[in-house]
Amino acid sequence: MIRWLRVFFVGGVIAYRGLFNWIRPALYIPTMLIGPVFQILFFAYLGRYSKVEDDAFFVVGNAIQASAMSAVFAGTMTIANERQYQTLAPLLATPANRCAMFMGRAVPVIASGVVVSALAVIVVVSVTSCTAFGLTLGSIGMRARDVFMSANIAYYLMWLVCGVNIPLSALPGWLAQIGRLLPLTHGIAAGREVAAGASLSSVSGLVWTEVAVGTAWAVVATTLVWWFEREGRRRATLETF
């Protein structure tokens, strides 16, 4: 258990610093703080002009979605960058627990997401769920040539179908159902109700649904990592592009 926790926390922080060595205030502040602020302002004023919803609808939706920006891409990069930097094979040669190794890297990502947006428990649950989704995309990077294109597509797909700026009721039924299977959707719905004055207990159903969605994506990510590692060892294709 001590070794597992050491890999989870210490290994996660070290890997985060190594894989995201480009992060410094000159890049972090515009990307993670200033950018989301202008995104919120843009959609709030656009919504006010179009009279689709009130300002609170867009402010809450985009604030929580901004926290997912780091979670989706960082979750993807924590696995895909290992292959790009040609460190995947030595990493997988270690006997370290794979769940502790990759899930531990989500902790700094979650902390970063909470800094960007602040709705306490709901944001933590939403960011964690989005990190699991990002790890799923990252696991595909163990085989795919360019997983970052997929991450960009998935990110903007979530922007469209997760209720960030468009109510699910305004979407076609099949598209709204896709949104309900993705992380962030139920977290945004809970955040809007809390911002309107509801108590956390009254939105517990939405929060637990978001937890369930995140858990499901975490299971998918873990399964894909196990499968792609097994196939990569068998075919000697762990670092083949």
Protein backbone atom coordinates (compact mmCIF):
# COMPACT_ATOMS: atom_id res chain seq x y z
CA MET A 1 0.00 0.00 0.00
CA ILE A 2 2.87 2.41 0.82
CA ARG A 3 4.48 1.71 -2.56
CA TRP A 4 1.13 2.19 -4.29
CA LEU A 5 0.60 5.56 -2.58
CA ARG A 6 4.18 6.63 -3.38
CA VAL A 7 3.67 5.84 -7.06
CA PHE A 8 0.28 7.55 -7.01
CA PHE A 9 1.27 10.83 -5.36
CA VAL A 10 5.05 11.24 -5.81
CA GLY A 11 5.14 9.61 -9.23
CA GLY A 12 2.12 11.61 -10.35
CA VAL A 13 3.68 14.94 -9.41
CA ILE A 14 7.06 14.09 -10.96
CA ALA A 15 5.44 12.89 -14.19
CA TYR A 16 3.29 16.02 -14.34
CA ARG A 17 6.34 18.24 -14.01
CA GLY A 18 8.22 16.23 -16.62
CA LEU A 19 5.46 16.02 -19.22
CA PHE A 20 4.31 19.62 -18.76
CA ASN A 21 7.71 21.29 -18.50
CA TRP A 22 6.47 24.00 -20.88
CA ILE A 23 4.11 25.36 -18.20
CA ARG A 24 5.30 28.67 -16.79
CA PRO A 25 3.40 31.80 -15.72
CA ALA A 26 3.81 33.48 -19.12
CA LEU A 27 1.91 30.58 -20.75
CA TYR A 28 -0.22 29.28 -17.90
CA ILE A 29 -1.95 32.56 -17.03
CA PRO A 30 -3.13 33.45 -20.58
CA THR A 31 -4.08 29.86 -21.42
CA MET A 32 -5.75 28.73 -18.21
CA LEU A 33 -7.00 31.98 -16.65
CA ILE A 34 -7.31 34.87 -19.10
CA GLY A 35 -8.62 32.71 -21.96
CA PRO A 36 -11.50 31.21 -19.94
CA VAL A 37 -12.50 34.66 -18.61
CA PHE A 38 -12.91 36.02 -22.13
CA GLN A 39 -14.71 32.82 -23.16
CA ILE A 40 -17.23 33.38 -20.37
CA LEU A 41 -17.68 37.03 -21.31
CA PHE A 42 -18.09 36.24 -25.00
CA PHE A 43 -20.83 33.67 -24.55
CA ALA A 44 -22.57 35.65 -21.81
CA TYR A 45 -22.88 38.68 -24.09
CA LEU A 46 -23.76 36.51 -27.09
CA GLY A 47 -26.50 34.85 -25.06
CA ARG A 48 -27.75 38.20 -23.83
CA TYR A 49 -27.93 39.47 -27.41
CA SER A 50 -29.67 36.35 -28.75
CA LYS A 51 -31.96 36.13 -25.70
CA VAL A 52 -31.57 32.36 -25.59
CA GLU A 53 -30.85 32.17 -21.84
CA ASP A 54 -29.88 34.54 -19.05
CA ASP A 55 -26.29 35.44 -18.16
CA ALA A 56 -26.09 32.90 -15.34
CA PHE A 57 -26.72 30.03 -17.78
CA PHE A 58 -23.62 30.90 -19.81
CA VAL A 59 -21.44 31.99 -16.90
CA VAL A 60 -21.89 28.76 -14.95
CA GLY A 61 -21.70 26.50 -18.01
CA ASN A 62 -18.50 28.05 -19.34
CA ALA A 63 -16.90 28.34 -15.89
CA ILE A 64 -17.23 24.60 -15.30
CA GLN A 65 -16.31 23.82 -18.90
CA ALA A 66 -13.14 25.89 -18.55
CA SER A 67 -12.02 23.57 -15.77
CA ALA A 68 -12.40 20.66 -18.19
CA MET A 69 -10.01 22.21 -20.69
CA SER A 70 -6.98 21.19 -18.64
CA ALA A 71 -8.52 17.88 -17.61
CA VAL A 72 -9.26 16.56 -21.09
CA PHE A 73 -5.98 17.60 -22.72
CA ALA A 74 -3.75 16.90 -19.73
CA GLY A 75 -5.38 13.51 -19.24
CA THR A 76 -4.62 12.75 -22.88
CA MET A 77 -1.03 14.00 -22.71
CA THR A 78 -0.14 12.05 -19.56
CA ILE A 79 -0.18 8.86 -21.64
CA ALA A 80 0.27 9.99 -25.25
CA ASN A 81 3.30 12.16 -24.50
CA GLU A 82 5.16 9.17 -23.05
CA ARG A 83 5.01 7.56 -26.46
CA GLN A 84 5.90 10.77 -28.26
CA TYR A 85 8.95 11.32 -26.04
CA GLN A 86 9.91 7.63 -26.48
CA THR A 87 9.72 6.90 -22.76
CA LEU A 88 6.71 4.59 -22.91
CA ALA A 89 8.64 1.32 -23.19
CA PRO A 90 10.90 2.00 -20.14
CA LEU A 91 7.85 3.15 -18.21
CA LEU A 92 5.90 -0.01 -18.94
CA ALA A 93 8.95 -2.14 -18.16
CA THR A 94 8.61 -1.15 -14.49
CA PRO A 95 6.55 -3.33 -12.12
CA ALA A 96 4.61 -0.28 -10.86
CA ASN A 97 0.85 -0.59 -10.62
CA ARG A 98 -0.64 0.87 -13.80
CA CYS A 99 -3.68 2.34 -12.06
CA ALA A 100 -1.50 4.16 -9.52
CA MET A 101 0.92 5.24 -12.25
CA PHE A 102 -1.58 6.91 -14.56
CA MET A 103 -4.40 7.87 -12.18
CA GLY A 104 -1.88 9.57 -9.87
CA ARG A 105 -1.08 11.96 -12.70
CA ALA A 106 -4.66 13.19 -12.54
CA VAL A 107 -4.19 14.80 -9.11
CA PRO A 108 -2.21 17.87 -10.31
CA VAL A 109 -4.63 18.15 -13.25
CA ILE A 110 -7.63 18.20 -10.92
CA ALA A 111 -5.95 20.83 -8.74
CA SER A 112 -5.29 22.96 -11.82
CA GLY A 113 -8.90 22.67 -12.91
CA VAL A 114 -10.18 23.78 -9.51
CA VAL A 115 -7.98 26.89 -9.70
CA VAL A 116 -9.53 27.82 -13.05
CA SER A 117 -13.13 27.45 -11.87
CA ALA A 118 -14.69 27.43 -8.40
CA LEU A 119 -17.90 25.59 -7.53
CA ALA A 120 -16.29 23.38 -4.90
CA VAL A 121 -17.52 19.77 -4.89
CA ILE A 122 -19.24 19.98 -8.26
CA VAL A 123 -16.10 21.27 -9.97
CA VAL A 124 -13.92 18.58 -8.36
CA VAL A 125 -16.30 15.84 -9.52
CA SER A 126 -16.59 17.33 -13.02
CA VAL A 127 -12.83 17.78 -13.46
CA THR A 128 -12.15 14.26 -12.19
CA SER A 129 -14.72 12.87 -14.62
CA CYS A 130 -13.18 14.81 -17.51
CA THR A 131 -9.70 13.61 -16.53
CA ALA A 132 -10.90 10.01 -16.81
CA PHE A 133 -12.24 10.85 -20.27
CA GLY A 134 -8.88 12.42 -21.16
CA LEU A 135 -7.04 9.30 -19.98
CA THR A 136 -9.27 7.25 -22.27
CA LEU A 137 -8.22 9.40 -25.22
CA GLY A 138 -4.60 9.20 -24.05
CA SER A 139 -4.71 5.42 -23.96
CA ILE A 140 -5.67 5.43 -27.63
CA GLY A 141 -2.42 7.35 -28.16
CA MET A 142 -0.58 4.13 -27.32
CA ARG A 143 -1.60 2.93 -30.79
CA ALA A 144 -2.84 5.93 -32.82
CA ARG A 145 -0.46 8.23 -34.66
CA ASP A 146 -2.07 11.59 -33.77
CA VAL A 147 -4.32 11.38 -30.72
CA PHE A 148 -4.23 15.14 -30.15
CA MET A 149 -6.51 15.72 -33.12
CA SER A 150 -9.00 13.36 -31.49
CA ALA A 151 -8.66 15.26 -28.22
CA ASN A 152 -9.48 18.55 -29.95
CA ILE A 153 -12.52 17.05 -31.67
CA ALA A 154 -13.74 15.51 -28.41
CA TYR A 155 -13.21 18.77 -26.55
CA TYR A 156 -15.36 20.78 -28.95
CA LEU A 157 -17.90 17.97 -29.15
CA MET A 158 -18.32 18.30 -25.38
CA TRP A 159 -18.70 22.05 -25.87
CA LEU A 160 -21.62 21.34 -28.20
CA VAL A 161 -23.51 18.47 -26.54
CA CYS A 162 -22.79 18.84 -22.80
CA GLY A 163 -25.08 21.81 -22.21
CA VAL A 164 -22.31 24.40 -21.97
CA ASN A 165 -23.97 26.96 -24.24
CA ILE A 166 -26.87 25.04 -25.75
CA PRO A 167 -29.61 23.51 -23.56
CA LEU A 168 -29.94 19.76 -24.03
CA SER A 169 -33.65 20.31 -24.72
CA ALA A 170 -32.71 22.25 -27.86
CA LEU A 171 -30.65 19.37 -29.27
CA PRO A 172 -31.96 16.39 -31.27
CA GLY A 173 -32.75 13.47 -28.96
CA TRP A 174 -29.84 11.29 -30.12
CA LEU A 175 -27.35 14.13 -29.76
CA ALA A 176 -28.61 14.98 -26.27
CA GLN A 177 -28.22 11.32 -25.30
CA ILE A 178 -24.57 11.39 -26.40
CA GLY A 179 -24.11 14.41 -24.16
CA ARG A 180 -25.56 12.54 -21.17
CA LEU A 181 -22.96 9.79 -21.65
CA LEU A 182 -20.08 12.27 -21.61
CA PRO A 183 -18.52 13.85 -18.53
CA LEU A 184 -19.36 17.45 -17.64
CA THR A 185 -23.06 17.36 -18.64
CA HIS A 186 -24.49 16.46 -15.25
CA GLY A 187 -21.89 18.55 -13.43
CA ILE A 188 -22.93 21.66 -15.35
CA ALA A 189 -26.60 20.94 -14.65
CA ALA A 190 -25.85 20.62 -10.93
CA GLY A 191 -23.72 23.77 -10.96
CA ARG A 192 -26.53 25.80 -12.51
CA GLU A 193 -28.99 24.65 -9.87
CA VAL A 194 -26.57 25.47 -7.03
CA ALA A 195 -25.88 28.89 -8.55
CA ALA A 196 -29.64 29.47 -8.60
CA GLY A 197 -29.84 28.83 -4.85
CA ALA A 198 -30.34 25.07 -4.56
CA SER A 199 -28.53 23.15 -1.84
CA LEU A 200 -25.86 20.56 -2.62
CA SER A 201 -28.07 17.80 -1.20
CA SER A 202 -30.85 18.68 -3.64
CA VAL A 203 -28.55 18.09 -6.63
CA SER A 204 -26.88 14.97 -5.21
CA GLY A 205 -28.51 12.86 -7.91
CA LEU A 206 -26.78 14.86 -10.65
CA VAL A 207 -23.48 14.81 -8.76
CA TRP A 208 -23.58 11.04 -8.27
CA THR A 209 -24.50 10.59 -11.93
CA GLU A 210 -21.40 12.60 -12.86
CA VAL A 211 -19.38 10.35 -10.52
CA ALA A 212 -20.81 7.28 -12.26
CA VAL A 213 -19.99 8.66 -15.71
CA GLY A 214 -16.42 9.45 -14.61
CA THR A 215 -16.01 6.00 -13.08
CA ALA A 216 -17.21 4.36 -16.29
CA TRP A 217 -14.68 6.32 -18.35
CA ALA A 218 -11.93 5.45 -15.83
CA VAL A 219 -12.76 1.76 -16.28
CA VAL A 220 -12.62 2.19 -20.07
CA ALA A 221 -9.25 3.98 -19.79
CA THR A 222 -7.77 1.29 -17.53
CA THR A 223 -9.01 -1.48 -19.80
CA LEU A 224 -7.58 0.17 -22.92
CA VAL A 225 -4.20 0.78 -21.27
CA TRP A 226 -4.05 -2.89 -20.24
CA TRP A 227 -5.09 -4.06 -23.72
CA PHE A 228 -2.77 -1.75 -25.69
CA GLU A 229 0.17 -2.56 -23.41
CA ARG A 230 -0.45 -6.29 -23.86
CA GLU A 231 -0.77 -5.96 -27.65
CA GLY A 232 2.21 -3.58 -27.84
CA ARG A 233 4.42 -6.06 -26.02
CA ARG A 234 3.23 -8.92 -28.23
CA ARG A 235 3.75 -7.02 -31.48
CA ALA A 236 6.72 -4.87 -30.33
CA THR A 237 4.83 -1.72 -31.36
CA LEU A 238 4.83 0.33 -28.16
CA GLU A 239 6.84 3.16 -29.73
CA THR A 240 6.16 2.51 -33.43
CA PHE A 241 4.57 5.38 -35.34
